[in-house]
C-alpha atoms as a PDB file:
ATOM      1  CA  MET A   1     106.966  92.335  73.221  1.00  0.00           C
ATOM      2  CA  LEU A   2     107.905  92.112  76.911  1.00  0.00           C
ATOM      3  CA  THR A   3     111.622  92.781  76.459  1.00  0.00           C
ATOM      4  CA  TRP A   4     111.390  96.287  77.933  1.00  0.00           C
ATOM      5  CA  MET A   5     111.414  94.787  81.441  1.00  0.00           C
ATOM      6  CA  TYR A   6     113.682  92.237  83.059  1.00  0.00           C
ATOM      7  CA  TRP A   7     111.147  89.521  83.898  1.00  0.00           C
ATOM      8  CA  THR A   8     112.386  87.286  86.678  1.00  0.00           C
ATOM      9  CA  PRO A   9     110.159  84.674  88.334  1.00  0.00           C
ATOM     10  CA  GLU A  10     109.895  86.938  91.397  1.00  0.00           C
ATOM     11  CA  VAL A  11     108.672  89.893  89.331  1.00  0.00           C
ATOM     12  CA  ALA A  12     106.148  87.746  87.445  1.00  0.00           C
ATOM     13  CA  ILE A  13     104.827  86.278  90.716  1.00  0.00           C
ATOM     14  CA  PHE A  14     104.609  89.757  92.261  1.00  0.00           C
ATOM     15  CA  PHE A  15     102.511  91.136  89.388  1.00  0.00           C
ATOM     16  CA  GLY A  16     100.459  87.942  89.232  1.00  0.00           C
ATOM     17  CA  CYS A  17      99.650  88.329  92.928  1.00  0.00           C
ATOM     18  CA  ILE A  18      98.521  91.912  92.314  1.00  0.00           C
ATOM     19  CA  VAL A  19      96.124  90.759  89.597  1.00  0.00           C
ATOM     20  CA  VAL A  20      94.736  88.012  91.856  1.00  0.00           C
ATOM     21  CA  MET A  21      94.334  90.471  94.765  1.00  0.00           C
ATOM     22  CA  LEU A  22      92.473  93.005  92.618  1.00  0.00           C
ATOM     23  CA  GLY A  23      90.117  90.314  91.337  1.00  0.00           C
ATOM     24  CA  GLY A  24      89.577  88.911  94.827  1.00  0.00           C
ATOM     25  CA  MET A  25      88.934  92.344  96.303  1.00  0.00           C
ATOM     26  CA  THR A  26      86.399  93.092  93.563  1.00  0.00           C
ATOM     27  CA  VAL A  27      84.458  89.911  94.308  1.00  0.00           C
ATOM     28  CA  TRP A  28      84.731  90.496  98.078  1.00  0.00           C
ATOM     29  CA  GLU A  29      83.442  94.063  97.718  1.00  0.00           C
ATOM     30  CA  LEU A  30      80.491  92.920  95.615  1.00  0.00           C
ATOM     31  CA  CYS A  31      79.581  90.223  98.145  1.00  0.00           C
ATOM     32  CA  SER A  32      80.225  92.241 101.300  1.00  0.00           C
ATOM     33  CA  PRO A  33      80.467  96.047 101.023  1.00  0.00           C
ATOM     34  CA  THR A  34      83.167  97.546 103.218  1.00  0.00           C
ATOM     35  CA  HIS A  35      82.943 100.052 106.061  1.00  0.00           C
ATOM     36  CA  GLU A  36      85.620 102.504 107.132  1.00  0.00           C
ATOM     37  CA  ARG A  37      87.630 101.574 110.206  1.00  0.00           C
ATOM     38  CA  LYS A  38      90.605 102.949 112.097  1.00  0.00           C
ATOM     39  CA  GLY A  39      93.729 100.814 112.523  1.00  0.00           C
ATOM     40  CA  PHE A  40      97.370 101.786 112.973  1.00  0.00           C
ATOM     41  CA  LEU A  41      97.222 103.990 109.867  1.00  0.00           C
ATOM     42  CA  PRO A  42      96.557 107.640 110.775  1.00  0.00           C
ATOM     43  CA  ILE A  43      93.325 107.732 108.756  1.00  0.00           C
ATOM     44  CA  ALA A  44      90.082 105.756 108.633  1.00  0.00           C
ATOM     45  CA  THR A  45      90.334 103.364 105.686  1.00  0.00           C
ATOM     46  CA  THR A  46      88.285 100.865 103.725  1.00  0.00           C
ATOM     47  CA  ARG A  47      89.621  97.549 102.400  1.00  0.00           C
ATOM     48  CA  GLY A  48      90.320  99.164  99.039  1.00  0.00           C
ATOM     49  CA  ASP A  49      92.226 102.027 100.662  1.00  0.00           C
ATOM     50  CA  ARG A  50      94.361  99.573 102.644  1.00  0.00           C
ATOM     51  CA  LEU A  51      95.042  97.520  99.497  1.00  0.00           C
ATOM     52  CA  PHE A  52      96.173 100.620  97.612  1.00  0.00           C
ATOM     53  CA  ILE A  53      98.391 101.813 100.469  1.00  0.00           C
ATOM     54  CA  GLY A  54      99.717  98.275 100.929  1.00  0.00           C
ATOM     55  CA  LEU A  55     100.556  97.862  97.242  1.00  0.00           C
ATOM     56  CA  LEU A  56     102.413 101.172  97.189  1.00  0.00           C
ATOM     57  CA  THR A  57     104.328 100.187 100.308  1.00  0.00           C
ATOM     58  CA  ALA A  58     105.114  96.746  98.866  1.00  0.00           C
ATOM     59  CA  ALA A  59     106.492  98.361  95.715  1.00  0.00           C
ATOM     60  CA  TYR A  60     108.706 100.649  97.789  1.00  0.00           C
ATOM     61  CA  VAL A  61     109.947  97.707  99.869  1.00  0.00           C
ATOM     62  CA  ASN A  62     110.858  95.854  96.670  1.00  0.00           C
ATOM     63  CA  LEU A  63     112.668  98.900  95.298  1.00  0.00           C
ATOM     64  CA  ALA A  64     114.503  99.392  98.582  1.00  0.00           C
ATOM     65  CA  TRP A  65     115.593  95.751  98.537  1.00  0.00           C
ATOM     66  CA  LEU A  66     116.929  96.178  94.999  1.00  0.00           C
ATOM     67  CA  ALA A  67     118.786  99.318  96.073  1.00  0.00           C
ATOM     68  CA  ILE A  68     120.514  97.728  99.075  1.00  0.00           C
ATOM     69  CA  SER A  69     121.115  94.183  97.796  1.00  0.00           C
ATOM     70  CA  ALA A  70     124.285  93.107  96.044  1.00  0.00           C
ATOM     71  CA  ASP A  71     124.436  92.543  92.301  1.00  0.00           C
ATOM     72  CA  GLY A  72     123.178  89.102  91.405  1.00  0.00           C
ATOM     73  CA  SER A  73     121.601  88.418  94.796  1.00  0.00           C
ATOM     74  CA  SER A  74     118.155  86.903  95.112  1.00  0.00           C
ATOM     75  CA  SER A  75     115.017  89.034  94.994  1.00  0.00           C
ATOM     76  CA  TRP A  76     113.072  86.589  97.191  1.00  0.00           C
ATOM     77  CA  PRO A  77     113.831  88.338 100.518  1.00  0.00           C
ATOM     78  CA  GLY A  78     112.441  91.614  99.136  1.00  0.00           C
ATOM     79  CA  PHE A  79     109.383  89.805  97.798  1.00  0.00           C
ATOM     80  CA  ILE A  80     108.757  88.104 101.144  1.00  0.00           C
ATOM     81  CA  ALA A  81     109.216  91.376 103.053  1.00  0.00           C
ATOM     82  CA  SER A  82     106.800  93.185 100.740  1.00  0.00           C
ATOM     83  CA  VAL A  83     104.162  90.459 101.147  1.00  0.00           C
ATOM     84  CA  LEU A  84     104.497  90.637 104.941  1.00  0.00           C
ATOM     85  CA  VAL A  85     104.151  94.430 104.918  1.00  0.00           C
ATOM     86  CA  LEU A  86     101.114  94.218 102.628  1.00  0.00           C
ATOM     87  CA  LEU A  87      99.467  91.607 104.864  1.00  0.00           C
ATOM     88  CA  ALA A  88     100.125  93.712 107.976  1.00  0.00           C
ATOM     89  CA  ILE A  89      98.543  96.780 106.385  1.00  0.00           C
ATOM     90  CA  MET A  90      95.533  94.814 105.135  1.00  0.00           C
ATOM     91  CA  TRP A  91      95.016  93.071 108.483  1.00  0.00           C
ATOM     92  CA  LYS A  92      95.683  95.805 111.068  1.00  0.00           C
ATOM     93  CA  GLY A  93      95.937  99.001 109.005  1.00  0.00           C
END
């Protein structure tokens, strides 16, 4: 059923983290509604906006790592870089 994609532990953890973040953000939003604020992004954003922008950026960082890394090299550096970028956007974006 899942043979259409090459499931490595890094990929499974990445998608698992996305599911956990979406669930956590839903609960957080229900408990404490968000307000727009201005960070280093050129627009005023809510938590949900920053999560969406951060997830897109994290996906691009992972794809860029796959494009520049050698065949058979580890995907962990790309995963770590994407998590750091996502955290930076969520925190200061």
